[in-house]
C-alpha atoms as a PDB file:
ATOM      1  CA  MET A   1     -13.934 -37.438 -18.281  1.00  0.00           C
ATOM      2  CA  ASN A   2     -11.495 -36.745 -16.153  1.00  0.00           C
ATOM      3  CA  THR A   3     -12.032 -38.661 -12.948  1.00  0.00           C
ATOM      4  CA  LYS A   4      -9.034 -37.362 -11.318  1.00  0.00           C
ATOM      5  CA  PRO A   5      -9.500 -35.615  -7.556  1.00  0.00           C
ATOM      6  CA  LEU A   6      -7.650 -32.247  -7.598  1.00  0.00           C
ATOM      7  CA  LYS A   7      -5.211 -31.941  -5.446  1.00  0.00           C
ATOM      8  CA  ALA A   8      -4.550 -28.488  -3.299  1.00  0.00           C
ATOM      9  CA  THR A   9      -2.101 -26.738  -1.465  1.00  0.00           C
ATOM     10  CA  PRO A  10      -2.362 -25.298   2.176  1.00  0.00           C
ATOM     11  CA  VAL A  11      -1.483 -21.181   2.963  1.00  0.00           C
ATOM     12  CA  ILE A  12       0.546 -21.735   5.628  1.00  0.00           C
ATOM     13  CA  GLY A  13       0.876 -17.434   5.755  1.00  0.00           C
ATOM     14  CA  LEU A  14       2.377 -14.519   3.972  1.00  0.00           C
ATOM     15  CA  PRO A  15       6.409 -14.511   2.856  1.00  0.00           C
ATOM     16  CA  ARG A  16       7.570 -11.370   4.344  1.00  0.00           C
ATOM     17  CA  ARG A  17       5.835  -9.190   6.191  1.00  0.00           C
ATOM     18  CA  THR A  18       4.148  -5.356   5.739  1.00  0.00           C
ATOM     19  CA  ARG A  19       6.260  -3.067   5.062  1.00  0.00           C
ATOM     20  CA  THR A  20       5.552   0.380   8.072  1.00  0.00           C
ATOM     21  CA  ALA A  21       6.234   4.563   8.517  1.00  0.00           C
ATOM     22  CA  VAL A  22       7.190   5.541  11.711  1.00  0.00           C
ATOM     23  CA  ALA A  23       4.548   5.755  13.471  1.00  0.00           C
ATOM     24  CA  GLY A  24       3.434   9.619  14.718  1.00  0.00           C
ATOM     25  CA  ARG A  25       4.088  11.914  11.465  1.00  0.00           C
ATOM     26  CA  THR A  26       2.743  14.490   9.971  1.00  0.00           C
ATOM     27  CA  CYS A  27       1.971  15.746   6.254  1.00  0.00           C
ATOM     28  CA  THR A  28       5.026  18.141   5.661  1.00  0.00           C
ATOM     29  CA  HIS A  29       2.645  20.492   3.406  1.00  0.00           C
ATOM     30  CA  GLU A  30       2.543  24.196   5.190  1.00  0.00           C
ATOM     31  CA  ASP A  31      -0.308  24.207   6.852  1.00  0.00           C
ATOM     32  CA  CYS A  32      -1.686  20.660   7.600  1.00  0.00           C
ATOM     33  CA  ASN A  33      -1.244  18.915  10.713  1.00  0.00           C
ATOM     34  CA  THR A  34      -2.856  15.988   9.215  1.00  0.00           C
ATOM     35  CA  ILE A  35      -1.273  13.330  11.066  1.00  0.00           C
ATOM     36  CA  LEU A  36      -0.537  10.189   7.938  1.00  0.00           C
ATOM     37  CA  SER A  37      -1.205   6.114   8.382  1.00  0.00           C
ATOM     38  CA  VAL A  38       1.954   3.677   9.262  1.00  0.00           C
ATOM     39  CA  TYR A  39       0.995   2.958   5.681  1.00  0.00           C
ATOM     40  CA  ASN A  40       1.124   5.570   3.348  1.00  0.00           C
ATOM     41  CA  LYS A  41       4.939   5.858   2.995  1.00  0.00           C
ATOM     42  CA  SER A  42       4.471   8.744   1.056  1.00  0.00           C
ATOM     43  CA  GLN A  43       5.482  13.044   2.976  1.00  0.00           C
ATOM     44  CA  PHE A  44       2.311  14.629   1.830  1.00  0.00           C
ATOM     45  CA  CYS A  45      -0.624  13.689   3.050  1.00  0.00           C
ATOM     46  CA  TYR A  46      -3.916  12.221   0.289  1.00  0.00           C
ATOM     47  CA  THR A  47      -4.880  15.412  -0.161  1.00  0.00           C
ATOM     48  CA  HIS A  48      -1.995  17.446  -0.161  1.00  0.00           C
ATOM     49  CA  THR A  49      -0.360  14.312  -2.541  1.00  0.00           C
ATOM     50  CA  ARG A  50       1.080  15.540  -5.916  1.00  0.00           C
ATOM     51  CA  LEU A  51      -1.225  14.094  -8.721  1.00  0.00           C
ATOM     52  CA  ARG A  52       0.256  11.662 -11.104  1.00  0.00           C
ATOM     53  CA  ARG A  53      -0.889  11.606 -14.706  1.00  0.00           C
ATOM     54  CA  PRO A  54      -1.214   7.449 -15.989  1.00  0.00           C
ATOM     55  CA  ARG A  55       1.180   6.348 -18.157  1.00  0.00           C
ATOM     56  CA  THR A  56      -0.623   5.277 -21.417  1.00  0.00           C
ATOM     57  CA  ALA A  57       0.430   3.190 -24.237  1.00  0.00           C
ATOM     58  CA  ARG A  58      -0.025   5.930 -28.202  1.00  0.00           C
END
């Protein structure tokens, strides 16, 4: 049986900052006044985002 102690490296922090968009943006869909999150990089809110179909293996 191996009696060698385990070693770990300390977590210092994240390597880079989270990307954010400009605050106060609104959905660009017609007649929608939803304010977008700074973490939403899209032009549209969740309701008006176009459906993306996942790629499937053949």
